[in-house]
Amino acid sequence: MKILLIFLIVTVICIYYLLLGYTLIKNKCTLFICLITFIILFYDFVFINISFVVGTHLLFILKSWMEYGFIALLILIFNRVFASDFKFEINNEVIIFMILTGFSILGFVTGIVNGDAVSKIGLGWRSYLLPMFLFNGLVWLGFFKEFNFKLYNRFLIGLFFLISISTFHQYITFNKELSELWFYGYFEKGLDTSLDLSPYNYMREGSLRSTGIFVSPLVNSMIFSFFSMLMIGNVFFTLRIEKRLFYIVLLGMSLVGLYLTNTRIGFILLFVGVLTSFFYFIKGFKNFWILFLMPLMLIVVTFLSLIFGYINDLSALGRLFQYSEFLGYFKIIGLGYGNERVNVYYDSWFISIALLFGIFSIFYLGFYLLLIKRLHLQPMLKNKQILKEKENVFYFTTYSFSFSLIYLFAFQYSTGGAVLLIFYLLNFLVYNQIVCKLKRQEQSLVI
């Protein structure tokens, strides 16, 4: 019976990957991105459940979707370069590829110098850089030319319902036993990973911090904040009244989901994202750097609240301690991708980056800032009249989500997880499909 189950699992996963390959080769952009979005959001749920049936080595083979995608993209890119006799335009995607290659070399070299195993270095690189290589490669190949935002919006709403149902069901049926959580057995495999060692991560004052399909209430909260931004964008840009009412109901569901995670972070991200987008989309604010200061000011306010005791729960105070403690491990050239202190050791993404790249981390952070800044055009008030309804929705959502991550990075480690992967996907998609469209429109008006 187990052999038959393993066979069915392998067959389904293979069909899924074959479908991904088919949509990539045939340039079925919208279907491809829908499939990628599903695996990003449901990755933990699917492969942790599969781990209860298959062995470690087979599991690794089955879940390596980014590696397969990267290899496929390299083949397609090199094929195009060879076909053109190595004549290609030095565009934004080529520059980004070169920057990412530079960071790859830096992280690998420092990791080897510091004596880390190559396998650990590779896993760290997979989390930090492979997703950007993947989505940038899709843009380089011209893959995002024909994208149906209306269909993608419907697909995301379908996933939202699944995640909401899972979250509501888990919260309602939970009987104050961590062993009831769907992933409990997965973490019981290791003596130092048992959920019973850290019950505060999943319960607060006797109430469940609902994780839904994820293994962390924090990730669930962040994803609900993303869906809340999507629903607000739909409410704001949808023309038909009855559809607006529908999205208002969905927004209410999303806020309830946020509440059931029993965490602050999702509400803070939603506040930061909506605040910056309000000034950009509604008020037509032109200065990017003033908008950039908004999440930074909130970070400062949070630190002051921690220092002066206005926020005094242990998990929050622990983050304050980490900022003073990590300096003892800081190296000028960085620790490299394989060091445990740069991989899910600290809560802050900023700390992890500082330890990973050392003094070169300022360039890595600058690169991230440019990814966000390139979404900013001025003036926005006239631009939104050029775009289609759902293009406006996803422009609003991506812009909001991008600014909220600036705050997130100060207090949460998100590398390799669903939150950052969604950011990469939407950033490259929206920039290529929407921002470039607006730039071309502006150039045509000037001419």
Protein backbone atom coordinates (compact mmCIF):
# COMPACT_ATOMS: atom_id res chain seq x y z
CA MET A 1 0.00 0.00 0.00
CA LYS A 2 2.82 2.40 0.88
CA ILE A 3 4.61 1.67 -2.41
CA LEU A 4 1.43 2.49 -4.33
CA LEU A 5 1.05 5.75 -2.37
CA ILE A 6 4.66 6.73 -3.11
CA PHE A 7 4.10 5.94 -6.79
CA LEU A 8 1.01 8.18 -6.89
CA ILE A 9 2.87 11.03 -5.14
CA VAL A 10 5.82 10.83 -7.52
CA THR A 11 3.46 10.68 -10.52
CA VAL A 12 1.48 13.74 -9.43
CA ILE A 13 4.64 15.78 -8.71
CA CYS A 14 6.17 14.77 -12.05
CA ILE A 15 3.00 15.76 -13.91
CA TYR A 16 3.08 19.10 -12.09
CA TYR A 17 6.70 19.74 -13.13
CA LEU A 18 5.99 18.64 -16.70
CA LEU A 19 3.11 21.10 -16.80
CA LEU A 20 5.45 23.83 -15.51
CA GLY A 21 7.94 22.97 -18.24
CA TYR A 22 5.25 22.94 -20.92
CA THR A 23 3.87 26.35 -19.91
CA LEU A 24 7.42 27.76 -19.83
CA ILE A 25 8.40 26.47 -23.28
CA LYS A 26 5.04 27.40 -24.84
CA ASN A 27 5.11 30.83 -23.16
CA LYS A 28 1.82 30.26 -21.32
CA CYS A 29 2.76 33.01 -18.93
CA THR A 30 -0.39 33.35 -16.82
CA LEU A 31 -0.78 29.60 -16.23
CA PHE A 32 2.93 29.28 -15.42
CA ILE A 33 2.79 32.05 -12.80
CA CYS A 34 -0.37 30.54 -11.29
CA LEU A 35 1.43 27.21 -10.90
CA ILE A 36 4.47 28.93 -9.39
CA THR A 37 2.29 30.91 -6.96
CA PHE A 38 0.59 27.73 -5.80
CA ILE A 39 3.86 25.98 -5.03
CA ILE A 40 5.20 29.08 -3.24
CA LEU A 41 2.21 29.30 -0.92
CA PHE A 42 1.55 25.58 -0.44
CA TYR A 43 5.19 24.41 -0.42
CA ASP A 44 5.37 23.59 3.30
CA PHE A 45 1.93 22.02 3.40
CA VAL A 46 2.54 19.77 0.39
CA PHE A 47 6.08 18.60 1.08
CA ILE A 48 5.85 18.23 4.85
CA ASN A 49 2.86 15.95 4.34
CA ILE A 50 4.78 14.06 1.65
CA SER A 51 7.72 13.68 4.09
CA PHE A 52 5.52 11.43 6.24
CA VAL A 53 5.45 8.92 3.36
CA VAL A 54 8.72 9.15 1.37
CA GLY A 55 12.38 9.07 2.39
CA THR A 56 14.70 12.06 2.76
CA HIS A 57 16.52 11.67 -0.56
CA LEU A 58 13.36 11.22 -2.63
CA LEU A 59 11.78 14.17 -0.83
CA PHE A 60 14.74 16.37 -1.77
CA ILE A 61 14.36 15.36 -5.43
CA LEU A 62 10.64 16.03 -5.42
CA LYS A 63 10.72 19.46 -3.75
CA SER A 64 13.60 21.05 -5.71
CA TRP A 65 11.35 23.07 -8.02
CA MET A 66 13.53 26.19 -8.01
CA GLU A 67 16.63 24.23 -8.96
CA TYR A 68 14.83 22.61 -11.92
CA GLY A 69 13.50 26.00 -13.00
CA PHE A 70 16.95 27.59 -12.73
CA ILE A 71 18.55 24.85 -14.84
CA ALA A 72 15.81 25.19 -17.47
CA LEU A 73 16.25 28.96 -17.60
CA LEU A 74 20.04 28.69 -17.93
CA ILE A 75 19.59 26.32 -20.88
CA LEU A 76 17.13 28.68 -22.57
CA ILE A 77 19.29 31.76 -21.90
CA PHE A 78 22.54 30.14 -23.13
CA ASN A 79 20.72 28.81 -26.18
CA ARG A 80 19.60 32.34 -27.01
CA VAL A 81 23.09 33.76 -26.42
CA PHE A 82 24.75 31.11 -28.61
CA ALA A 83 22.12 31.60 -31.34
CA SER A 84 22.90 35.32 -31.46
CA ASP A 85 26.71 34.72 -31.65
CA PHE A 86 27.09 36.23 -28.18
CA LYS A 87 25.51 39.51 -29.28
CA PHE A 88 22.93 40.65 -26.77
CA GLU A 89 21.74 43.93 -25.34
CA ILE A 90 23.08 45.00 -21.94
CA ASN A 91 19.67 45.71 -20.41
CA ASN A 92 18.38 45.82 -16.82
CA GLU A 93 18.03 42.05 -16.63
CA VAL A 94 21.64 41.45 -17.71
CA ILE A 95 22.87 43.98 -15.13
CA ILE A 96 20.79 42.31 -12.40
CA PHE A 97 22.15 38.91 -13.46
CA MET A 98 25.72 40.24 -13.14
CA ILE A 99 24.99 41.77 -9.71
CA LEU A 100 23.47 38.51 -8.46
CA THR A 101 26.47 36.58 -9.82
CA GLY A 102 28.79 38.92 -7.92
CA PHE A 103 26.93 38.33 -4.65
CA SER A 104 26.96 34.58 -5.36
CA ILE A 105 30.74 34.53 -5.76
CA LEU A 106 31.22 36.67 -2.64
CA GLY A 107 29.04 34.44 -0.46
CA PHE A 108 30.61 31.20 -1.77
CA VAL A 109 34.19 32.42 -1.33
CA THR A 110 33.66 33.74 2.21
CA GLY A 111 31.85 30.53 3.13
CA ILE A 112 34.74 28.37 1.90
CA VAL A 113 37.31 30.63 3.61
CA ASN A 114 35.39 30.25 6.88
CA GLY A 115 35.41 26.44 6.49
CA ASP A 116 31.70 25.79 5.82
CA ALA A 117 30.56 22.68 3.98
CA VAL A 118 29.76 23.18 0.29
CA SER A 119 26.32 21.62 0.79
CA LYS A 120 25.44 24.21 3.46
CA ILE A 121 26.76 27.02 1.27
CA GLY A 122 24.57 25.80 -1.57
CA LEU A 123 21.47 25.67 0.62
CA GLY A 124 22.12 29.20 1.87
CA TRP A 125 22.60 30.48 -1.69
CA ARG A 126 19.33 28.78 -2.65
CA SER A 127 17.46 30.80 -0.06
CA TYR A 128 19.11 34.17 -0.62
CA LEU A 129 19.69 34.45 -4.37
CA LEU A 130 18.16 31.60 -6.38
CA PRO A 131 14.60 33.07 -6.42
CA MET A 132 15.87 36.36 -7.88
CA PHE A 133 17.92 34.52 -10.51
CA LEU A 134 14.77 32.62 -11.42
CA PHE A 135 12.35 35.53 -11.82
CA ASN A 136 14.92 37.84 -13.40
CA GLY A 137 15.67 35.10 -15.92
CA LEU A 138 11.99 34.93 -16.87
CA VAL A 139 12.01 38.66 -17.60
CA TRP A 140 15.27 38.34 -19.55
CA LEU A 141 13.63 35.74 -21.79
CA GLY A 142 10.68 38.08 -22.41
CA PHE A 143 8.35 35.69 -20.65
CA PHE A 144 6.06 38.32 -19.08
CA LYS A 145 4.89 39.93 -22.33
CA GLU A 146 1.34 38.53 -22.30
CA PHE A 147 -0.08 38.31 -18.81
CA ASN A 148 -3.73 38.15 -17.76
CA PHE A 149 -3.99 40.04 -14.46
CA LYS A 150 -7.74 39.48 -14.31
CA LEU A 151 -7.31 35.70 -14.38
CA TYR A 152 -4.44 35.87 -11.90
CA ASN A 153 -6.58 37.93 -9.53
CA ARG A 154 -9.27 35.23 -9.61
CA PHE A 155 -6.67 32.52 -9.01
CA LEU A 156 -5.29 34.35 -5.97
CA ILE A 157 -8.79 34.74 -4.56
CA GLY A 158 -9.25 30.97 -4.92
CA LEU A 159 -6.02 30.38 -2.97
CA PHE A 160 -7.17 32.96 -0.41
CA PHE A 161 -10.32 30.94 0.24
CA LEU A 162 -8.28 27.76 0.76
CA ILE A 163 -5.88 29.46 3.18
CA SER A 164 -8.77 31.15 5.03
CA ILE A 165 -10.72 27.89 5.41
CA SER A 166 -7.60 26.16 6.74
CA THR A 167 -6.97 28.98 9.23
CA PHE A 168 -10.58 29.18 10.46
CA HIS A 169 -10.89 25.38 10.75
CA GLN A 170 -7.63 25.07 12.66
CA TYR A 171 -8.63 27.79 15.12
CA ILE A 172 -12.15 26.46 15.70
CA THR A 173 -11.16 22.82 16.16
CA PHE A 174 -7.99 23.38 18.22
CA ASN A 175 -8.22 21.77 21.69
CA LYS A 176 -5.12 23.34 23.29
CA GLU A 177 -2.85 20.42 22.38
CA LEU A 178 0.09 21.22 20.09
CA SER A 179 0.02 17.63 18.86
CA GLU A 180 -3.17 18.55 16.97
CA LEU A 181 -1.23 20.81 14.60
CA TRP A 182 -0.86 19.18 11.19
CA PHE A 183 2.96 19.57 11.16
CA TYR A 184 3.59 18.41 14.75
CA GLY A 185 4.98 15.02 13.72
CA TYR A 186 7.44 16.61 11.27
CA PHE A 187 9.18 18.60 13.99
CA GLU A 188 9.07 15.71 16.46
CA LYS A 189 11.67 13.93 14.30
CA GLY A 190 14.40 16.06 15.89
CA LEU A 191 14.96 16.29 19.66
CA ASP A 192 15.80 19.99 19.41
CA THR A 193 12.91 20.91 17.09
CA SER A 194 9.92 19.69 19.09
CA LEU A 195 7.07 22.19 19.23
CA ASP A 196 6.71 21.41 22.93
CA LEU A 197 10.01 23.21 23.55
CA SER A 198 8.53 26.51 22.36
CA PRO A 199 4.74 26.47 22.90
CA TYR A 200 4.68 30.29 23.02
CA ASN A 201 5.30 30.28 19.26
CA TYR A 202 1.90 28.67 18.71
CA MET A 203 -0.20 29.74 21.68
CA ARG A 204 -0.71 33.06 23.44
CA GLU A 205 -2.63 33.26 26.72
CA GLY A 206 -4.30 29.94 26.01
CA SER A 207 -5.40 30.87 22.47
CA LEU A 208 -4.01 29.35 19.29
CA ARG A 209 -1.86 31.46 17.01
CA SER A 210 -3.35 29.95 13.87
CA THR A 211 -0.85 28.83 11.22
CA GLY A 212 -3.27 27.60 8.55
CA ILE A 213 -1.35 25.82 5.79
CA PHE A 214 1.95 27.26 7.06
CA VAL A 215 4.16 26.16 9.95
CA SER A 216 4.35 29.61 11.52
CA PRO A 217 1.61 32.01 12.64
CA LEU A 218 3.93 34.85 11.62
CA VAL A 219 4.06 33.68 8.00
CA ASN A 220 0.30 33.15 7.99
CA SER A 221 -0.14 36.69 9.31
CA MET A 222 2.16 38.16 6.66
CA ILE A 223 0.32 36.34 3.88
CA PHE A 224 -3.03 37.58 5.20
CA SER A 225 -1.61 41.12 5.19
CA PHE A 226 -0.70 40.60 1.53
CA PHE A 227 -4.23 39.38 0.73
CA SER A 228 -5.67 42.34 2.65
CA MET A 229 -3.66 44.71 0.44
CA LEU A 230 -4.92 42.83 -2.62
CA MET A 231 -8.54 43.17 -1.47
CA ILE A 232 -8.09 46.89 -0.68
CA GLY A 233 -6.67 47.36 -4.18
CA ASN A 234 -9.68 45.57 -5.66
CA VAL A 235 -12.10 47.67 -3.57
CA PHE A 236 -10.40 50.89 -4.63
CA PHE A 237 -9.99 50.19 -8.37
CA THR A 238 -13.04 48.02 -9.16
CA LEU A 239 -15.70 50.03 -11.00
CA ARG A 240 -18.82 47.91 -10.47
CA ILE A 241 -20.51 48.45 -7.09
CA GLU A 242 -21.58 44.82 -6.56
CA LYS A 243 -18.01 43.63 -7.13
CA ARG A 244 -16.72 46.22 -4.68
CA LEU A 245 -19.10 44.84 -2.05
CA PHE A 246 -17.77 41.35 -2.77
CA TYR A 247 -14.18 42.49 -2.22
CA ILE A 248 -15.19 44.32 0.97
CA VAL A 249 -16.52 41.00 2.31
CA LEU A 250 -13.25 39.30 1.33
CA LEU A 251 -11.30 42.08 3.04
CA GLY A 252 -13.31 41.41 6.19
CA MET A 253 -12.45 37.70 5.94
CA SER A 254 -8.79 38.56 5.53
CA LEU A 255 -8.79 40.82 8.60
CA VAL A 256 -10.43 38.03 10.62
CA GLY A 257 -7.69 35.68 9.42
CA LEU A 258 -5.11 38.25 10.53
CA TYR A 259 -6.73 38.39 13.95
CA LEU A 260 -6.74 34.59 14.34
CA THR A 261 -2.96 34.45 13.87
CA ASN A 262 -2.70 36.30 17.19
CA THR A 263 0.32 38.31 16.03
CA ARG A 264 1.03 42.01 15.57
CA ILE A 265 3.22 41.81 12.48
CA GLY A 266 0.45 41.34 9.90
CA PHE A 267 -1.49 44.40 11.07
CA ILE A 268 1.70 46.50 11.15
CA LEU A 269 2.62 45.46 7.61
CA LEU A 270 -0.89 46.28 6.42
CA PHE A 271 -0.70 49.70 8.08
CA VAL A 272 2.69 50.51 6.54
CA GLY A 273 1.70 49.30 3.07
CA VAL A 274 -1.64 51.09 2.93
CA LEU A 275 -0.18 54.30 4.41
CA THR A 276 2.56 54.61 1.79
CA SER A 277 0.24 53.64 -1.06
CA PHE A 278 -2.36 56.16 0.12
CA PHE A 279 0.12 59.01 -0.33
CA TYR A 280 1.38 57.61 -3.64
CA PHE A 281 -1.84 56.51 -5.37
CA ILE A 282 -4.40 58.87 -3.80
CA LYS A 283 -2.39 61.99 -3.06
CA GLY A 284 0.02 61.61 -5.99
CA PHE A 285 3.07 61.99 -3.73
CA LYS A 286 6.17 62.37 -5.91
CA ASN A 287 9.10 62.06 -3.50
CA PHE A 288 10.08 58.41 -3.07
CA TRP A 289 12.52 59.08 -0.24
CA ILE A 290 9.91 60.67 2.00
CA LEU A 291 7.69 57.62 1.50
CA PHE A 292 10.72 55.45 2.24
CA LEU A 293 11.15 57.24 5.57
CA MET A 294 7.67 56.15 6.74
CA PRO A 295 8.55 52.49 7.48
CA LEU A 296 11.96 53.59 8.79
CA MET A 297 10.31 55.96 11.26
CA LEU A 298 8.03 53.16 12.42
CA ILE A 299 11.11 50.96 12.96
CA VAL A 300 12.61 53.70 15.14
CA VAL A 301 9.34 54.04 17.08
CA THR A 302 9.30 50.26 17.64
CA PHE A 303 12.87 50.26 18.95
CA LEU A 304 12.14 53.17 21.30
CA SER A 305 9.03 51.34 22.55
CA LEU A 306 11.20 48.31 23.31
CA ILE A 307 13.94 50.34 25.00
CA PHE A 308 11.57 52.31 27.24
CA GLY A 309 9.37 49.33 28.07
CA TYR A 310 6.18 50.22 26.22
CA ILE A 311 6.48 46.83 24.50
CA ASN A 312 7.63 44.30 27.07
CA ASP A 313 6.75 40.76 25.92
CA LEU A 314 9.72 38.40 25.82
CA SER A 315 9.67 37.69 22.08
CA ALA A 316 9.88 41.39 21.25
CA LEU A 317 12.59 42.09 23.84
CA GLY A 318 14.57 39.14 22.45
CA ARG A 319 14.84 40.95 19.13
CA LEU A 320 16.31 43.98 20.88
CA PHE A 321 18.96 41.76 22.48
CA GLN A 322 19.85 40.25 19.10
CA TYR A 323 20.78 43.66 17.70
CA SER A 324 23.34 44.14 20.48
CA GLU A 325 24.57 40.54 20.41
CA PHE A 326 25.23 40.02 16.69
CA LEU A 327 28.07 42.57 16.54
CA GLY A 328 30.31 40.08 18.33
CA TYR A 329 30.06 37.78 15.27
CA PHE A 330 30.37 40.45 12.57
CA LYS A 331 33.21 40.01 10.07
CA ILE A 332 34.29 42.58 7.51
CA ILE A 333 34.12 40.11 4.59
CA GLY A 334 31.03 38.34 5.98
CA LEU A 335 30.39 34.79 7.14
CA GLY A 336 29.19 33.32 3.83
CA TYR A 337 26.04 31.39 2.88
CA GLY A 338 26.86 28.27 4.90
CA ASN A 339 27.15 29.78 8.38
CA GLU A 340 24.29 28.90 10.75
CA ARG A 341 24.06 32.50 11.98
CA VAL A 342 22.90 33.76 8.58
CA ASN A 343 20.31 30.99 8.12
CA VAL A 344 17.23 31.22 10.38
CA TYR A 345 19.30 32.09 13.46
CA TYR A 346 18.31 35.71 14.05
CA ASP A 347 14.80 37.14 13.79
CA SER A 348 16.01 40.17 11.84
CA TRP A 349 16.66 39.86 8.11
CA PHE A 350 18.88 42.96 8.35
CA ILE A 351 21.11 41.22 10.91
CA SER A 352 21.35 38.11 8.73
CA ILE A 353 22.39 40.17 5.71
CA ALA A 354 24.98 42.11 7.73
CA LEU A 355 26.55 38.87 8.95
CA LEU A 356 26.35 37.23 5.52
CA PHE A 357 28.07 39.95 3.46
CA GLY A 358 29.90 42.04 6.07
CA ILE A 359 30.70 45.52 4.78
CA PHE A 360 29.34 44.50 1.37
CA SER A 361 25.86 44.15 2.89
CA ILE A 362 25.30 47.84 2.20
CA PHE A 363 25.40 47.05 -1.53
CA TYR A 364 23.00 44.12 -1.13
CA LEU A 365 20.55 46.29 0.82
CA GLY A 366 20.95 49.00 -1.81
CA PHE A 367 20.05 46.47 -4.49
CA TYR A 368 16.84 45.60 -2.63
CA LEU A 369 16.04 49.29 -2.29
CA LEU A 370 16.43 49.74 -6.05
CA LEU A 371 14.01 46.84 -6.65
CA ILE A 372 11.44 48.78 -4.62
CA LYS A 373 12.32 52.22 -5.98
CA ARG A 374 11.91 51.15 -9.59
CA LEU A 375 8.18 50.69 -8.92
CA HIS A 376 7.87 54.39 -8.11
CA LEU A 377 6.79 56.64 -10.97
CA GLN A 378 5.57 60.21 -10.89
CA PRO A 379 3.00 61.56 -11.05
CA MET A 380 0.86 58.51 -10.26
CA LEU A 381 -2.54 60.21 -10.47
CA LYS A 382 -2.52 60.41 -14.26
CA ASN A 383 -0.74 57.06 -14.69
CA LYS A 384 -3.51 55.07 -13.03
CA GLN A 385 -5.92 56.28 -15.73
CA ILE A 386 -3.77 54.59 -18.39
CA LEU A 387 -3.81 51.14 -16.78
CA LYS A 388 -6.53 48.52 -16.91
CA GLU A 389 -8.54 47.79 -13.78
CA LYS A 390 -6.59 44.75 -12.56
CA GLU A 391 -3.26 46.27 -13.59
CA ASN A 392 -3.99 49.07 -11.14
CA VAL A 393 -4.93 46.49 -8.50
CA PHE A 394 -1.63 44.64 -8.77
CA TYR A 395 0.40 47.82 -9.04
CA PHE A 396 -1.20 49.02 -5.79
CA THR A 397 -0.75 45.64 -4.09
CA THR A 398 2.89 45.22 -5.09
CA TYR A 399 3.77 48.80 -4.16
CA SER A 400 2.09 48.42 -0.75
CA PHE A 401 3.64 45.02 -0.06
CA SER A 402 7.13 46.22 -1.05
CA PHE A 403 7.13 49.12 1.41
CA SER A 404 5.73 46.95 4.21
CA LEU A 405 8.71 44.60 3.80
CA ILE A 406 11.10 47.41 4.77
CA TYR A 407 9.59 47.27 8.26
CA LEU A 408 9.39 43.48 8.22
CA PHE A 409 13.11 43.09 7.52
CA ALA A 410 14.01 44.80 10.82
CA PHE A 411 12.22 42.21 12.96
CA GLN A 412 11.60 39.04 10.92
CA TYR A 413 13.80 36.62 9.02
CA SER A 414 11.98 35.91 5.74
CA THR A 415 14.68 34.59 3.41
CA GLY A 416 13.58 31.64 1.30
CA GLY A 417 10.01 31.75 2.62
CA ALA A 418 6.69 32.39 0.92
CA VAL A 419 6.61 36.10 1.79
CA LEU A 420 9.83 37.05 0.01
CA LEU A 421 9.14 34.72 -2.92
CA ILE A 422 5.80 36.47 -3.50
CA PHE A 423 7.63 39.80 -3.34
CA TYR A 424 10.19 38.70 -5.96
CA LEU A 425 7.52 37.31 -8.25
CA LEU A 426 5.28 40.40 -8.09
CA ASN A 427 8.18 42.85 -8.28
CA PHE A 428 9.58 41.42 -11.52
CA LEU A 429 6.11 40.79 -12.95
CA VAL A 430 4.64 44.21 -12.16
CA TYR A 431 7.75 46.11 -13.16
CA ASN A 432 7.96 44.36 -16.52
CA GLN A 433 4.23 44.40 -17.30
CA ILE A 434 3.02 47.64 -15.74
CA VAL A 435 5.83 50.06 -14.85
CA CYS A 436 7.57 49.61 -18.22
CA LYS A 437 4.20 50.14 -19.92
CA LEU A 438 3.79 53.45 -18.10
CA LYS A 439 7.36 54.47 -18.97
CA ARG A 440 6.75 53.76 -22.65
CA GLN A 441 3.55 55.80 -22.47
CA GLU A 442 5.39 58.74 -20.93
CA GLN A 443 8.12 58.56 -23.59
CA SER A 444 5.52 58.55 -26.36
CA LEU A 445 3.88 61.65 -24.86
CA VAL A 446 7.23 63.44 -24.72
CA ILE A 447 7.95 62.58 -28.37
